[in-house]
Protein backbone atom coordinates (compact mmCIF):
# COMPACT_ATOMS: atom_id res chain seq x y z
CA UNK A 1 89.63 117.17 115.13
CA UNK A 2 86.76 118.62 117.14
CA UNK A 3 88.27 122.11 116.81
CA UNK A 4 88.41 122.03 113.00
CA UNK A 5 84.85 121.28 111.93
CA UNK A 6 84.97 124.12 109.40
CA UNK A 7 87.78 122.25 107.65
CA UNK A 8 85.62 119.11 107.50
CA UNK A 9 82.65 121.05 106.12
CA UNK A 10 84.92 122.55 103.48
CA UNK A 11 86.17 119.10 102.48
CA UNK A 12 82.60 117.79 102.26
CA UNK A 13 81.62 120.71 100.03
CA UNK A 14 84.69 120.17 97.86
CA UNK A 15 83.94 116.48 97.37
CA UNK A 16 80.25 117.18 96.75
CA UNK A 17 81.18 119.53 93.91
CA UNK A 18 82.30 116.51 91.89
CA UNK A 19 78.61 115.61 91.48
CA UNK A 20 78.89 111.98 92.55
CA UNK A 21 76.79 110.19 95.16
CA UNK A 22 75.82 112.96 97.58
CA UNK A 23 74.35 110.69 100.24
CA UNK A 24 75.73 111.12 103.78
CA UNK A 25 77.70 107.87 103.53
CA UNK A 26 78.59 108.02 99.82
CA UNK A 27 82.16 107.82 98.53
CA UNK A 28 82.63 111.62 98.43
CA UNK A 29 81.67 111.90 102.11
CA UNK A 30 83.99 109.02 102.99
CA UNK A 31 86.86 110.64 101.10
CA UNK A 32 86.27 113.95 102.89
CA UNK A 33 86.28 112.31 106.32
CA UNK A 34 89.43 110.31 105.57
CA UNK A 35 91.19 113.42 104.25
CA UNK A 36 90.22 115.11 107.50
CA UNK A 37 91.70 112.21 109.47
CA UNK A 38 94.86 112.20 107.33
CA UNK A 39 95.32 115.89 108.10
CA UNK A 40 94.82 115.22 111.83
CA UNK A 41 97.41 112.42 111.78
CA UNK A 42 99.89 114.69 110.03
CA UNK A 43 99.30 117.46 112.56
CA UNK A 44 99.80 115.00 115.42
CA UNK A 45 103.29 114.06 114.24
CA UNK A 46 105.26 117.31 113.78
CA UNK A 47 108.54 115.51 114.51
CA UNK A 48 107.93 112.80 111.89
CA UNK A 49 108.67 114.22 108.45
CA UNK A 50 106.96 111.46 106.45
CA UNK A 51 103.80 111.62 108.56
CA UNK A 52 103.51 115.40 108.28
CA UNK A 53 103.09 114.97 104.53
CA UNK A 54 100.33 112.36 104.88
CA UNK A 55 97.46 114.81 104.53
CA UNK A 56 98.89 116.31 101.35
CA UNK A 57 99.78 112.91 99.89
CA UNK A 58 96.51 111.13 100.70
CA UNK A 59 94.74 111.92 97.38
CA UNK A 60 97.70 110.53 95.41
CA UNK A 61 98.06 107.54 97.72
CA UNK A 62 94.36 106.83 97.14
CA UNK A 63 94.70 107.19 93.37
CA UNK A 64 97.48 104.60 93.43
CA UNK A 65 95.17 102.20 95.26
CA UNK A 66 91.96 102.48 93.24
CA UNK A 67 92.13 98.89 92.04
CA UNK A 68 93.00 97.76 95.54
CA UNK A 69 89.89 99.56 96.83
CA UNK A 70 87.72 97.78 94.27
CA UNK A 71 89.27 94.42 95.19
CA UNK A 72 88.65 95.02 98.88
CA UNK A 73 85.02 95.91 98.15
CA UNK A 74 84.48 92.64 96.31
CA UNK A 75 86.09 90.59 99.08
CA UNK A 76 84.08 92.40 101.76
CA UNK A 77 80.85 92.08 99.75
CA UNK A 78 81.30 88.31 99.38
CA UNK A 79 82.01 87.93 103.10
CA UNK A 80 79.02 90.10 104.03
CA UNK A 81 76.69 88.12 101.78
CA UNK A 82 77.77 84.83 103.37
CA UNK A 83 77.34 86.33 106.84
CA UNK A 84 73.88 87.70 106.02
CA UNK A 85 72.57 84.41 104.66
CA UNK A 86 74.15 82.56 107.58
CA UNK A 87 72.18 84.72 110.02
CA UNK A 88 68.86 85.09 108.19
CA UNK A 89 68.74 82.29 105.64
CA UNK A 90 69.09 81.96 101.88
CA UNK A 91 67.97 85.00 99.90
CA UNK A 92 68.34 87.39 102.85
CA UNK A 93 70.68 89.53 100.78
CA UNK A 94 67.98 90.14 98.17
CA UNK A 95 66.08 92.58 100.39
CA UNK A 96 66.74 96.14 99.11
CA UNK A 97 67.19 97.63 102.57
CA UNK A 98 69.57 94.83 103.54
CA UNK A 99 71.48 95.36 100.30
CA UNK A 100 71.85 99.09 100.95
CA UNK A 101 73.05 98.53 104.51
CA UNK A 102 75.46 95.81 103.41
CA UNK A 103 76.83 98.00 100.64
CA UNK A 104 77.60 100.81 103.08
CA UNK A 105 79.32 98.41 105.48
CA UNK A 106 81.30 96.89 102.62
CA UNK A 107 82.45 100.25 101.31
CA UNK A 108 83.50 101.51 104.73
CA UNK A 109 85.43 98.31 105.43
CA UNK A 110 87.24 98.63 102.09
CA UNK A 111 88.03 102.32 102.60
CA UNK A 112 89.37 101.58 106.09
CA UNK A 113 91.75 98.90 104.85
CA UNK A 114 93.04 101.06 102.01
CA UNK A 115 93.51 104.06 104.32
CA UNK A 116 95.53 101.96 106.76
CA UNK A 117 97.66 100.53 103.96
CA UNK A 118 98.38 104.05 102.71
CA UNK A 119 99.30 105.12 106.24
CA UNK A 120 101.73 102.22 106.54
CA UNK A 121 103.28 103.18 103.19
CA UNK A 122 103.97 106.66 104.56
CA UNK A 123 105.32 105.34 107.86
CA UNK A 124 107.72 102.86 106.24
CA UNK A 125 110.20 101.53 107.18
CA UNK A 126 108.43 101.53 110.56
CA UNK A 127 106.55 98.27 111.23
CA UNK A 128 103.01 98.31 109.78
CA UNK A 129 100.14 99.30 112.04
CA UNK A 130 97.29 98.07 109.79
CA UNK A 131 97.20 94.45 111.08
CA UNK A 132 97.00 95.54 114.72
CA UNK A 133 94.41 98.25 113.99
CA UNK A 134 92.21 95.86 112.00
CA UNK A 135 92.46 93.23 114.72
CA UNK A 136 91.58 95.85 117.36
CA UNK A 137 88.47 96.82 115.40
CA UNK A 138 87.48 93.23 114.65
CA UNK A 139 87.49 92.42 118.36
CA UNK A 140 85.25 95.41 119.19
CA UNK A 141 82.38 95.22 116.72
CA UNK A 142 79.84 95.49 119.54
CA UNK A 143 81.49 98.76 120.56
CA UNK A 144 81.14 100.01 116.98
CA UNK A 145 77.47 99.03 116.87
CA UNK A 146 76.85 100.83 120.17
CA UNK A 147 78.61 103.94 118.85
CA UNK A 148 76.47 103.95 115.70
CA UNK A 149 73.32 103.57 117.80
CA UNK A 150 74.34 106.37 120.17
CA UNK A 151 75.20 108.77 117.34
CA UNK A 152 71.98 107.93 115.50
CA UNK A 153 69.90 108.52 118.64
CA UNK A 154 71.68 111.80 119.41
CA UNK A 155 71.14 113.05 115.85
CA UNK A 156 67.44 112.14 115.96
CA UNK A 157 67.03 113.94 119.28
CA UNK A 158 68.65 117.02 117.77
CA UNK A 159 66.38 116.77 114.73
CA UNK A 160 63.31 116.65 116.97
CA UNK A 161 64.49 119.61 119.06
CA UNK A 162 64.94 121.71 115.92
CA UNK A 163 61.97 120.60 113.85
CA UNK A 164 59.58 118.76 116.16
CA UNK A 165 58.88 115.06 116.84
CA UNK A 166 57.08 114.59 113.53
CA UNK A 167 60.27 115.38 111.62
CA UNK A 168 61.67 111.89 112.21
CA UNK A 169 58.57 110.30 110.72
CA UNK A 170 60.02 111.14 107.30
CA UNK A 171 61.77 108.00 106.01
CA UNK A 172 64.26 110.04 103.96
CA UNK A 173 65.28 112.08 106.99
CA UNK A 174 65.71 108.95 109.12
CA UNK A 175 67.75 107.30 106.36
CA UNK A 176 70.08 110.27 106.02
CA UNK A 177 70.57 110.46 109.78
CA UNK A 178 71.36 106.75 109.88
CA UNK A 179 73.88 107.02 107.06
CA UNK A 180 75.63 109.97 108.68
CA UNK A 181 75.76 108.17 112.03
CA UNK A 182 77.26 105.08 110.43
CA UNK A 183 80.03 107.02 108.69
CA UNK A 184 80.84 109.21 111.68
CA UNK A 185 80.91 106.19 114.00
CA UNK A 186 83.25 104.29 111.68
CA UNK A 187 85.64 107.24 111.47
CA UNK A 188 85.60 107.68 115.23
CA UNK A 189 86.21 103.93 115.61
CA UNK A 190 89.18 104.18 113.24
CA UNK A 191 90.57 107.10 115.25
CA UNK A 192 90.25 105.06 118.44
CA UNK A 193 91.98 102.08 116.82
CA UNK A 194 94.84 104.26 115.62
CA UNK A 195 95.09 106.01 118.97
CA UNK A 196 95.59 102.62 120.61
CA UNK A 197 97.76 100.88 118.04
CA UNK A 198 100.03 103.77 117.01
CA UNK A 199 100.83 104.45 120.65
CA UNK A 200 101.86 100.83 121.11
CA UNK A 201 103.50 100.30 117.71
CA UNK A 202 107.27 99.79 117.48
CA UNK A 203 108.90 102.80 115.88
CA UNK A 204 106.64 105.42 117.42
CA UNK A 205 109.15 106.30 120.09
CA UNK A 206 110.40 109.78 119.40
CA UNK A 207 107.21 110.69 117.58
CA UNK A 208 105.68 112.27 120.65
CA UNK A 209 103.21 109.46 121.39
CA UNK A 210 101.54 109.88 118.02
CA UNK A 211 98.47 107.81 118.80
CA UNK A 212 97.91 109.55 122.12
CA UNK A 213 97.84 112.96 120.38
CA UNK A 214 94.74 112.13 118.34
CA UNK A 215 91.93 114.03 120.08
CA UNK A 216 88.68 112.26 120.72
CA UNK A 217 85.48 114.17 121.38
CA UNK A 218 81.80 113.26 121.34
CA UNK A 219 81.77 113.54 117.54
CA UNK A 220 84.19 112.97 114.70
């Protein structure tokens, strides 16, 4: 994945052309990153005919699951709202910044579940990997938070090196960096979950250690 950043930039440009939400963690950016991951999974499984078509089939698999994506968003939003008020008290979810952060978390959680379900549909009749991957991620939320923080810090340091320390005093710049770090960290986290769970999943024998072939670098 690290060696094909031009492909990712091309996918981001392609999704941006649709004129939807162009924020760094908007739906078009999420779709581009998941297409990139679908392509990487397909490339990692040359001996598995169904998997090699995953990248090409992902847009159609997503289209078939649009309602499922909306349902997952609503479920995740309700759970996030309960969690937020449980931590910070009644009305905590009314804060605009908290709402924006919660919405991004909700959307990424929904996209992740739908992506994993689509992957399992392609891998069938092999046993599903989604339950194990979701459990793996659920047990490592601190790791995800640390990854987001590290990516955010690294991006800010790069911004300061290029444009000076005052450049991160701009709220819009800081917001865009934070959104990008959140998306990139979630995708990396998903790659790590798949690397672990696909390697251990029944039915991956003969697929060349599919999970172990997913390359992990310092970025997505």
